[in-house]
Amino acid sequence: MRDYELAFIISPTLDDEGATNIVDRVSGMVKSINGEVASVDVWGRRTLAYPINKHREGIYVLLSAKMSPEGLGQLERDLKLTEEVIRYMLLKLDN
């Protein structure tokens, strides 16, 4: 298992409860590939550097997890299919 950071932006059209549901769903995606969520940090609503899908702001979330590299393809595919996640970036942390 390796350490990863997953930063993603949720659509600003959701309210706080909807954003919490998306964070829970992404955490569930990590757990479904036998990963462990270490921490979730919701940064809140921020202005984007450039418009994404006609949105000028988004809800930023940083998730730290331990996952095996074999499940990353499944995780990325699930993130791409989640309409509420407008951008994501998955980074492997060096130890």
N, C-alpha and C. Protein backbone atom coordinates (compact mmCIF):
# COMPACT_ATOMS: atom_id res chain seq x y z
N MET A 1 0.85 -1.18 0.00
CA MET A 1 0.00 0.00 0.00
C MET A 1 0.89 1.24 0.00
N ARG A 2 0.51 2.19 -0.82
CA ARG A 2 1.27 3.44 -0.95
C ARG A 2 0.40 4.61 -0.50
N ASP A 3 1.07 5.70 -0.15
CA ASP A 3 0.36 6.91 0.25
C ASP A 3 0.03 7.75 -0.98
N TYR A 4 -1.20 8.23 -1.03
CA TYR A 4 -1.67 9.07 -2.13
C TYR A 4 -2.44 10.26 -1.57
N GLU A 5 -2.45 11.34 -2.35
CA GLU A 5 -3.32 12.48 -2.07
C GLU A 5 -4.23 12.65 -3.27
N LEU A 6 -5.49 12.79 -3.01
CA LEU A 6 -6.48 13.02 -4.05
C LEU A 6 -7.12 14.38 -3.79
N ALA A 7 -6.85 15.32 -4.69
CA ALA A 7 -7.48 16.63 -4.61
C ALA A 7 -8.56 16.68 -5.69
N PHE A 8 -9.76 17.10 -5.32
CA PHE A 8 -10.82 17.19 -6.32
C PHE A 8 -11.70 18.39 -6.05
N ILE A 9 -12.36 18.84 -7.12
CA ILE A 9 -13.24 20.01 -7.06
C ILE A 9 -14.66 19.54 -7.36
N ILE A 10 -15.57 19.90 -6.48
CA ILE A 10 -16.98 19.53 -6.62
C ILE A 10 -17.73 20.72 -7.23
N SER A 11 -18.72 20.42 -8.03
CA SER A 11 -19.54 21.44 -8.68
C SER A 11 -20.16 22.39 -7.64
N PRO A 12 -20.14 23.69 -7.90
CA PRO A 12 -20.70 24.66 -6.93
C PRO A 12 -22.22 24.67 -6.88
N THR A 13 -22.87 23.93 -7.75
CA THR A 13 -24.33 23.91 -7.74
C THR A 13 -24.90 23.12 -6.57
N LEU A 14 -24.04 22.33 -5.90
CA LEU A 14 -24.49 21.54 -4.76
C LEU A 14 -24.46 22.36 -3.48
N ASP A 15 -25.37 22.05 -2.57
CA ASP A 15 -25.34 22.68 -1.26
C ASP A 15 -24.38 21.90 -0.35
N ASP A 16 -24.28 22.28 0.91
CA ASP A 16 -23.33 21.63 1.83
C ASP A 16 -23.64 20.15 2.02
N GLU A 17 -24.91 19.81 2.09
CA GLU A 17 -25.28 18.40 2.27
C GLU A 17 -24.93 17.58 1.03
N GLY A 18 -25.15 18.14 -0.15
CA GLY A 18 -24.80 17.46 -1.38
C GLY A 18 -23.30 17.26 -1.51
N ALA A 19 -22.52 18.28 -1.12
CA ALA A 19 -21.06 18.16 -1.15
C ALA A 19 -20.58 17.09 -0.19
N THR A 20 -21.20 17.02 1.00
CA THR A 20 -20.84 15.99 1.97
C THR A 20 -21.13 14.60 1.41
N ASN A 21 -22.25 14.46 0.68
CA ASN A 21 -22.58 13.17 0.07
C ASN A 21 -21.54 12.77 -0.98
N ILE A 22 -21.05 13.74 -1.76
CA ILE A 22 -20.04 13.45 -2.77
C ILE A 22 -18.73 13.05 -2.11
N VAL A 23 -18.34 13.74 -1.04
CA VAL A 23 -17.12 13.39 -0.31
C VAL A 23 -17.24 11.97 0.24
N ASP A 24 -18.41 11.63 0.78
CA ASP A 24 -18.63 10.27 1.29
C ASP A 24 -18.58 9.25 0.16
N ARG A 25 -19.12 9.61 -1.01
CA ARG A 25 -19.10 8.69 -2.14
C ARG A 25 -17.67 8.45 -2.63
N VAL A 26 -16.85 9.51 -2.69
CA VAL A 26 -15.46 9.35 -3.12
C VAL A 26 -14.69 8.53 -2.08
N SER A 27 -14.95 8.76 -0.80
CA SER A 27 -14.31 7.94 0.25
C SER A 27 -14.71 6.48 0.08
N GLY A 28 -15.95 6.23 -0.26
CA GLY A 28 -16.42 4.87 -0.51
C GLY A 28 -15.74 4.25 -1.72
N MET A 29 -15.45 5.06 -2.74
CA MET A 29 -14.72 4.56 -3.91
C MET A 29 -13.32 4.08 -3.51
N VAL A 30 -12.67 4.85 -2.64
CA VAL A 30 -11.33 4.47 -2.17
C VAL A 30 -11.42 3.18 -1.37
N LYS A 31 -12.42 3.07 -0.52
CA LYS A 31 -12.58 1.86 0.29
C LYS A 31 -12.95 0.65 -0.57
N SER A 32 -13.64 0.88 -1.68
CA SER A 32 -14.05 -0.24 -2.54
C SER A 32 -12.87 -0.89 -3.26
N ILE A 33 -11.76 -0.16 -3.40
CA ILE A 33 -10.56 -0.75 -4.01
C ILE A 33 -9.56 -1.17 -2.92
N ASN A 34 -10.10 -1.43 -1.72
CA ASN A 34 -9.31 -1.87 -0.56
C ASN A 34 -8.31 -0.82 -0.10
N GLY A 35 -8.70 0.44 -0.20
CA GLY A 35 -7.87 1.53 0.29
C GLY A 35 -8.34 1.99 1.65
N GLU A 36 -7.48 2.75 2.32
CA GLU A 36 -7.81 3.31 3.63
C GLU A 36 -7.74 4.83 3.55
N VAL A 37 -8.81 5.50 3.94
CA VAL A 37 -8.84 6.96 3.95
C VAL A 37 -8.20 7.43 5.25
N ALA A 38 -7.10 8.18 5.14
CA ALA A 38 -6.40 8.67 6.33
C ALA A 38 -7.03 9.98 6.83
N SER A 39 -7.32 10.90 5.92
CA SER A 39 -7.93 12.17 6.33
C SER A 39 -8.66 12.80 5.16
N VAL A 40 -9.65 13.61 5.49
CA VAL A 40 -10.41 14.37 4.50
C VAL A 40 -10.43 15.82 4.97
N ASP A 41 -9.99 16.72 4.10
CA ASP A 41 -9.95 18.14 4.42
C ASP A 41 -10.76 18.89 3.37
N VAL A 42 -11.91 19.42 3.78
CA VAL A 42 -12.77 20.20 2.87
C VAL A 42 -12.35 21.65 2.99
N TRP A 43 -11.80 22.18 1.91
CA TRP A 43 -11.33 23.57 1.91
C TRP A 43 -12.46 24.56 1.72
N GLY A 44 -13.56 24.10 1.18
CA GLY A 44 -14.71 24.98 0.99
C GLY A 44 -14.80 25.54 -0.41
N ARG A 45 -15.69 26.50 -0.57
CA ARG A 45 -15.97 27.11 -1.87
C ARG A 45 -14.90 28.15 -2.19
N ARG A 46 -14.26 27.99 -3.35
CA ARG A 46 -13.20 28.89 -3.78
C ARG A 46 -13.41 29.27 -5.24
N THR A 47 -12.85 30.41 -5.63
CA THR A 47 -12.89 30.84 -7.02
C THR A 47 -11.86 30.05 -7.82
N LEU A 48 -12.26 29.59 -8.99
CA LEU A 48 -11.36 28.84 -9.86
C LEU A 48 -10.43 29.79 -10.60
N ALA A 49 -9.26 29.31 -10.98
CA ALA A 49 -8.31 30.12 -11.74
C ALA A 49 -8.83 30.40 -13.14
N TYR A 50 -9.59 29.46 -13.69
CA TYR A 50 -10.20 29.62 -15.00
C TYR A 50 -11.52 28.85 -14.99
N PRO A 51 -12.48 29.22 -15.84
CA PRO A 51 -13.78 28.54 -15.84
C PRO A 51 -13.65 27.07 -16.25
N ILE A 52 -14.36 26.21 -15.54
CA ILE A 52 -14.43 24.79 -15.87
C ILE A 52 -15.91 24.46 -16.04
N ASN A 53 -16.29 24.01 -17.23
CA ASN A 53 -17.69 23.69 -17.53
C ASN A 53 -18.63 24.84 -17.16
N LYS A 54 -18.21 26.05 -17.47
CA LYS A 54 -18.96 27.29 -17.22
C LYS A 54 -19.12 27.62 -15.74
N HIS A 55 -18.36 26.96 -14.87
CA HIS A 55 -18.37 27.27 -13.44
C HIS A 55 -17.19 28.18 -13.12
N ARG A 56 -17.42 29.18 -12.30
CA ARG A 56 -16.35 30.10 -11.91
C ARG A 56 -15.84 29.81 -10.50
N GLU A 57 -16.53 28.94 -9.78
CA GLU A 57 -16.06 28.54 -8.45
C GLU A 57 -16.39 27.07 -8.23
N GLY A 58 -15.78 26.50 -7.19
CA GLY A 58 -15.99 25.09 -6.88
C GLY A 58 -15.68 24.82 -5.43
N ILE A 59 -16.03 23.64 -4.98
CA ILE A 59 -15.79 23.22 -3.60
C ILE A 59 -14.56 22.31 -3.62
N TYR A 60 -13.48 22.75 -2.99
CA TYR A 60 -12.21 22.03 -3.01
C TYR A 60 -12.15 21.03 -1.85
N VAL A 61 -11.63 19.83 -2.15
CA VAL A 61 -11.49 18.77 -1.14
C VAL A 61 -10.14 18.11 -1.33
N LEU A 62 -9.43 17.85 -0.22
CA LEU A 62 -8.16 17.13 -0.23
C LEU A 62 -8.34 15.88 0.61
N LEU A 63 -8.08 14.71 0.00
CA LEU A 63 -8.26 13.42 0.66
C LEU A 63 -6.92 12.69 0.66
N SER A 64 -6.45 12.27 1.83
CA SER A 64 -5.23 11.48 1.95
C SER A 64 -5.62 10.03 2.18
N ALA A 65 -4.94 9.11 1.46
CA ALA A 65 -5.33 7.71 1.54
C ALA A 65 -4.13 6.80 1.30
N LYS A 66 -4.30 5.55 1.73
CA LYS A 66 -3.35 4.49 1.42
C LYS A 66 -4.07 3.52 0.50
N MET A 67 -3.47 3.28 -0.68
CA MET A 67 -4.09 2.42 -1.68
C MET A 67 -3.02 1.60 -2.38
N SER A 68 -3.45 0.50 -2.96
CA SER A 68 -2.53 -0.27 -3.79
C SER A 68 -2.62 0.27 -5.23
N PRO A 69 -1.53 0.25 -5.97
CA PRO A 69 -1.54 0.81 -7.33
C PRO A 69 -2.48 0.08 -8.29
N GLU A 70 -2.82 -1.17 -8.01
CA GLU A 70 -3.67 -1.93 -8.92
C GLU A 70 -5.09 -1.36 -9.04
N GLY A 71 -5.58 -0.70 -8.02
CA GLY A 71 -6.95 -0.18 -8.04
C GLY A 71 -7.09 1.23 -8.54
N LEU A 72 -5.99 1.88 -8.92
CA LEU A 72 -6.06 3.28 -9.31
C LEU A 72 -6.85 3.50 -10.59
N GLY A 73 -6.75 2.57 -11.53
CA GLY A 73 -7.52 2.70 -12.77
C GLY A 73 -9.01 2.72 -12.51
N GLN A 74 -9.46 1.84 -11.63
CA GLN A 74 -10.88 1.80 -11.25
C GLN A 74 -11.30 3.10 -10.58
N LEU A 75 -10.47 3.61 -9.68
CA LEU A 75 -10.79 4.85 -8.97
C LEU A 75 -10.89 6.01 -9.94
N GLU A 76 -9.93 6.14 -10.86
CA GLU A 76 -9.96 7.24 -11.81
C GLU A 76 -11.17 7.14 -12.75
N ARG A 77 -11.53 5.94 -13.14
CA ARG A 77 -12.70 5.77 -13.99
C ARG A 77 -13.97 6.19 -13.24
N ASP A 78 -14.07 5.80 -11.97
CA ASP A 78 -15.24 6.20 -11.18
C ASP A 78 -15.30 7.71 -10.99
N LEU A 79 -14.15 8.35 -10.79
CA LEU A 79 -14.14 9.81 -10.63
C LEU A 79 -14.56 10.51 -11.91
N LYS A 80 -14.13 10.00 -13.06
CA LYS A 80 -14.53 10.59 -14.34
C LYS A 80 -16.03 10.45 -14.59
N LEU A 81 -16.63 9.38 -14.08
CA LEU A 81 -18.05 9.15 -14.28
C LEU A 81 -18.93 9.89 -13.29
N THR A 82 -18.33 10.42 -12.24
CA THR A 82 -19.08 11.18 -11.24
C THR A 82 -19.24 12.61 -11.75
N GLU A 83 -20.46 12.97 -12.15
CA GLU A 83 -20.71 14.26 -12.78
C GLU A 83 -20.43 15.44 -11.86
N GLU A 84 -20.59 15.26 -10.56
CA GLU A 84 -20.41 16.37 -9.62
C GLU A 84 -18.93 16.72 -9.41
N VAL A 85 -18.02 15.80 -9.72
CA VAL A 85 -16.59 16.08 -9.62
C VAL A 85 -16.15 16.67 -10.95
N ILE A 86 -15.79 17.98 -10.94
CA ILE A 86 -15.46 18.64 -12.20
C ILE A 86 -13.97 18.55 -12.52
N ARG A 87 -13.10 18.35 -11.53
CA ARG A 87 -11.67 18.13 -11.75
C ARG A 87 -11.13 17.31 -10.59
N TYR A 88 -10.09 16.53 -10.87
CA TYR A 88 -9.40 15.81 -9.80
C TYR A 88 -7.93 15.66 -10.16
N MET A 89 -7.11 15.45 -9.14
CA MET A 89 -5.69 15.20 -9.33
C MET A 89 -5.26 14.20 -8.27
N LEU A 90 -4.67 13.10 -8.71
CA LEU A 90 -4.24 12.03 -7.83
C LEU A 90 -2.71 12.00 -7.84
N LEU A 91 -2.11 12.14 -6.67
CA LEU A 91 -0.65 12.19 -6.54
C LEU A 91 -0.14 11.11 -5.61
N LYS A 92 0.93 10.44 -6.01
CA LYS A 92 1.61 9.48 -5.14
C LYS A 92 2.62 10.24 -4.31
N LEU A 93 2.58 10.06 -3.01
CA LEU A 93 3.50 10.75 -2.11
C LEU A 93 4.79 9.93 -1.96
N ASP A 94 5.92 10.61 -2.02
CA ASP A 94 7.20 9.94 -1.79
C ASP A 94 7.48 9.86 -0.31
N ASN A 95 7.95 8.71 0.12
CA ASN A 95 8.26 8.54 1.54
C ASN A 95 9.76 8.49 1.75
